[in-house]
């Protein structure tokens, strides 16, 4: 993410931005320097919504009951 002053930030730490508080704190700092407005975004809600979409797709495409029965559940 380039800034108007030429600075660039990057990260490779898995899950670093999963925390809404940590991510918002960092982005608030960036927003102050860039004069941008804050958005209302919950990464946890975003992930849960997409996990539900994935689960719905798997259930539609795979005979889950048959698999569970064969596994003894």
N, C-alpha and C. Protein backbone atom coordinates (compact mmCIF):
# COMPACT_ATOMS: atom_id res chain seq x y z
N UNK A 1 0.85 -1.17 0.00
CA UNK A 1 0.00 0.00 0.00
C UNK A 1 0.90 1.24 0.00
N UNK A 2 1.07 1.90 -1.11
CA UNK A 2 1.92 3.09 -1.13
C UNK A 2 1.20 4.30 -0.54
N UNK A 3 1.96 5.15 0.11
CA UNK A 3 1.43 6.38 0.69
C UNK A 3 1.93 7.57 -0.13
N UNK A 4 1.31 8.70 0.06
CA UNK A 4 1.70 9.88 -0.70
C UNK A 4 3.14 10.31 -0.41
N UNK A 5 3.66 9.93 0.77
CA UNK A 5 5.04 10.31 1.10
C UNK A 5 6.05 9.27 0.62
N UNK A 6 5.56 8.22 -0.09
CA UNK A 6 6.45 7.21 -0.64
C UNK A 6 6.68 6.01 0.26
N UNK A 7 6.22 6.07 1.52
CA UNK A 7 6.38 4.93 2.42
C UNK A 7 5.47 3.78 2.01
N UNK A 8 5.92 2.58 2.28
CA UNK A 8 5.15 1.38 1.98
C UNK A 8 5.18 0.47 3.20
N UNK A 9 4.01 -0.12 3.54
CA UNK A 9 3.92 -1.08 4.62
C UNK A 9 3.58 -2.44 4.04
N UNK A 10 4.09 -3.50 4.66
CA UNK A 10 3.76 -4.85 4.24
C UNK A 10 3.85 -5.79 5.42
N UNK A 11 3.22 -6.95 5.30
CA UNK A 11 3.25 -7.94 6.37
C UNK A 11 3.11 -9.33 5.78
N UNK A 12 3.76 -10.27 6.41
CA UNK A 12 3.61 -11.67 6.01
C UNK A 12 3.15 -12.52 7.19
N UNK A 13 2.81 -11.92 8.30
CA UNK A 13 2.42 -12.65 9.50
C UNK A 13 0.99 -13.14 9.34
N UNK A 14 0.83 -14.48 9.28
CA UNK A 14 -0.49 -15.07 9.08
C UNK A 14 -1.42 -14.69 10.23
N UNK A 15 -2.59 -14.17 9.89
CA UNK A 15 -3.60 -13.84 10.88
C UNK A 15 -3.41 -12.50 11.56
N UNK A 16 -2.36 -11.76 11.20
CA UNK A 16 -2.08 -10.49 11.86
C UNK A 16 -3.26 -9.53 11.77
N UNK A 17 -3.93 -9.50 10.64
CA UNK A 17 -5.02 -8.55 10.46
C UNK A 17 -6.40 -9.14 10.76
N UNK A 18 -6.44 -10.32 11.37
CA UNK A 18 -7.72 -10.92 11.76
C UNK A 18 -8.37 -10.14 12.90
N UNK A 19 -7.59 -9.54 13.76
CA UNK A 19 -8.12 -8.78 14.89
C UNK A 19 -8.64 -7.43 14.42
N UNK A 20 -9.95 -7.22 14.60
CA UNK A 20 -10.54 -5.94 14.18
C UNK A 20 -9.87 -4.77 14.90
N UNK A 21 -9.59 -4.93 16.21
CA UNK A 21 -8.98 -3.83 16.97
C UNK A 21 -7.59 -3.49 16.46
N UNK A 22 -6.77 -4.53 16.19
CA UNK A 22 -5.41 -4.29 15.72
C UNK A 22 -5.44 -3.65 14.33
N UNK A 23 -6.23 -4.24 13.44
CA UNK A 23 -6.31 -3.74 12.07
C UNK A 23 -6.86 -2.32 12.04
N UNK A 24 -7.92 -2.06 12.80
CA UNK A 24 -8.50 -0.72 12.83
C UNK A 24 -7.51 0.30 13.39
N UNK A 25 -6.75 -0.09 14.42
CA UNK A 25 -5.75 0.82 14.98
C UNK A 25 -4.71 1.21 13.94
N UNK A 26 -4.21 0.23 13.22
CA UNK A 26 -3.22 0.51 12.17
C UNK A 26 -3.84 1.35 11.06
N UNK A 27 -5.03 0.96 10.62
CA UNK A 27 -5.67 1.71 9.53
C UNK A 27 -6.06 3.12 9.95
N UNK A 28 -6.44 3.30 11.23
CA UNK A 28 -6.73 4.65 11.72
C UNK A 28 -5.49 5.53 11.62
N UNK A 29 -4.35 4.97 11.95
CA UNK A 29 -3.09 5.71 11.84
C UNK A 29 -2.84 6.11 10.38
N UNK A 30 -3.09 5.17 9.47
CA UNK A 30 -2.92 5.45 8.03
C UNK A 30 -3.94 6.50 7.58
N UNK A 31 -5.17 6.35 8.03
CA UNK A 31 -6.22 7.29 7.62
C UNK A 31 -5.90 8.71 8.07
N UNK A 32 -5.37 8.84 9.30
CA UNK A 32 -5.02 10.18 9.79
C UNK A 32 -3.97 10.83 8.89
N UNK A 33 -2.99 10.04 8.45
CA UNK A 33 -1.94 10.61 7.62
C UNK A 33 -2.42 10.88 6.20
N UNK A 34 -3.45 10.15 5.75
CA UNK A 34 -3.95 10.31 4.38
C UNK A 34 -5.26 11.11 4.32
N UNK A 35 -5.87 11.37 5.47
CA UNK A 35 -7.13 12.11 5.49
C UNK A 35 -8.32 11.30 4.98
N UNK A 36 -8.26 9.98 5.15
CA UNK A 36 -9.34 9.11 4.67
C UNK A 36 -10.37 8.89 5.76
N UNK A 37 -11.58 8.53 5.35
CA UNK A 37 -12.67 8.25 6.29
C UNK A 37 -12.62 6.79 6.72
N UNK A 38 -13.09 6.53 7.94
CA UNK A 38 -13.11 5.17 8.49
C UNK A 38 -14.34 4.43 7.98
N UNK A 39 -14.18 3.13 7.72
CA UNK A 39 -15.31 2.29 7.33
C UNK A 39 -15.66 1.38 8.49
N UNK A 40 -16.87 0.84 8.49
CA UNK A 40 -17.31 -0.08 9.52
C UNK A 40 -17.25 -1.49 8.94
N UNK A 41 -16.21 -2.24 9.26
CA UNK A 41 -15.98 -3.56 8.68
C UNK A 41 -15.55 -4.52 9.77
N UNK A 42 -16.20 -5.69 9.81
CA UNK A 42 -15.84 -6.73 10.76
C UNK A 42 -15.29 -7.92 9.98
N UNK A 43 -14.01 -8.18 10.13
CA UNK A 43 -13.39 -9.30 9.44
C UNK A 43 -13.97 -10.63 9.94
N UNK A 44 -14.27 -10.70 11.23
CA UNK A 44 -14.85 -11.92 11.79
C UNK A 44 -16.19 -12.22 11.12
N UNK A 45 -17.04 -11.22 10.98
CA UNK A 45 -18.33 -11.41 10.31
C UNK A 45 -18.14 -11.78 8.85
N UNK A 46 -17.18 -11.15 8.20
CA UNK A 46 -16.88 -11.43 6.80
C UNK A 46 -16.46 -12.90 6.64
N UNK A 47 -15.58 -13.38 7.52
CA UNK A 47 -15.13 -14.78 7.44
C UNK A 47 -16.28 -15.73 7.71
N UNK A 48 -17.09 -15.46 8.75
CA UNK A 48 -18.20 -16.34 9.08
C UNK A 48 -19.20 -16.43 7.93
N UNK A 49 -19.49 -15.30 7.30
CA UNK A 49 -20.41 -15.28 6.16
C UNK A 49 -19.86 -16.15 5.03
N UNK A 50 -18.58 -16.02 4.73
CA UNK A 50 -17.98 -16.79 3.64
C UNK A 50 -17.84 -18.27 3.99
N UNK A 51 -17.59 -18.60 5.26
CA UNK A 51 -17.58 -20.01 5.67
C UNK A 51 -18.98 -20.61 5.48
N UNK A 52 -20.01 -19.84 5.81
CA UNK A 52 -21.39 -20.33 5.61
C UNK A 52 -21.67 -20.56 4.12
N UNK A 53 -21.21 -19.65 3.27
CA UNK A 53 -21.39 -19.83 1.82
C UNK A 53 -20.68 -21.11 1.35
N UNK A 54 -19.47 -21.34 1.84
CA UNK A 54 -18.73 -22.53 1.48
C UNK A 54 -19.46 -23.79 1.95
N UNK A 55 -19.93 -23.77 3.18
CA UNK A 55 -20.65 -24.93 3.72
C UNK A 55 -21.92 -25.20 2.92
N UNK A 56 -22.64 -24.16 2.56
CA UNK A 56 -23.86 -24.34 1.74
C UNK A 56 -23.52 -24.95 0.39
N UNK A 57 -22.45 -24.50 -0.23
CA UNK A 57 -22.03 -25.04 -1.53
C UNK A 57 -21.65 -26.50 -1.41
N UNK A 58 -20.89 -26.85 -0.38
CA UNK A 58 -20.49 -28.25 -0.18
C UNK A 58 -21.73 -29.12 0.04
N UNK A 59 -22.65 -28.65 0.87
CA UNK A 59 -23.86 -29.43 1.14
C UNK A 59 -24.70 -29.64 -0.12
N UNK A 60 -24.70 -28.66 -1.02
CA UNK A 60 -25.47 -28.79 -2.27
C UNK A 60 -24.79 -29.74 -3.25
N UNK A 61 -23.47 -29.81 -3.21
CA UNK A 61 -22.72 -30.57 -4.21
C UNK A 61 -22.29 -31.96 -3.74
N UNK A 62 -22.31 -32.20 -2.44
CA UNK A 62 -21.80 -33.45 -1.87
C UNK A 62 -22.90 -34.10 -1.04
N UNK A 63 -23.00 -35.40 -1.13
CA UNK A 63 -23.97 -36.15 -0.31
C UNK A 63 -23.38 -36.32 1.09
N UNK A 64 -23.50 -35.27 1.90
CA UNK A 64 -22.90 -35.24 3.23
C UNK A 64 -23.48 -36.33 4.12
N UNK A 65 -24.79 -36.55 4.04
CA UNK A 65 -25.42 -37.58 4.88
C UNK A 65 -24.83 -38.96 4.59
N UNK A 66 -24.61 -39.26 3.32
CA UNK A 66 -24.03 -40.56 2.95
C UNK A 66 -22.62 -40.69 3.49
N UNK A 67 -21.84 -39.66 3.40
CA UNK A 67 -20.46 -39.68 3.91
C UNK A 67 -20.46 -39.88 5.42
N UNK A 68 -21.31 -39.13 6.12
CA UNK A 68 -21.38 -39.27 7.58
C UNK A 68 -21.85 -40.68 7.97
N UNK A 69 -22.78 -41.24 7.21
CA UNK A 69 -23.28 -42.59 7.50
C UNK A 69 -22.15 -43.61 7.34
N UNK A 70 -21.36 -43.47 6.26
CA UNK A 70 -20.24 -44.38 6.02
C UNK A 70 -19.15 -44.23 7.09
N UNK A 71 -19.08 -43.05 7.69
CA UNK A 71 -18.09 -42.81 8.75
C UNK A 71 -18.61 -43.27 10.11
N UNK A 72 -19.87 -43.67 10.18
CA UNK A 72 -20.43 -44.17 11.43
C UNK A 72 -21.09 -43.10 12.28
N UNK A 73 -21.40 -41.97 11.68
CA UNK A 73 -22.07 -40.91 12.45
C UNK A 73 -23.56 -40.93 12.22
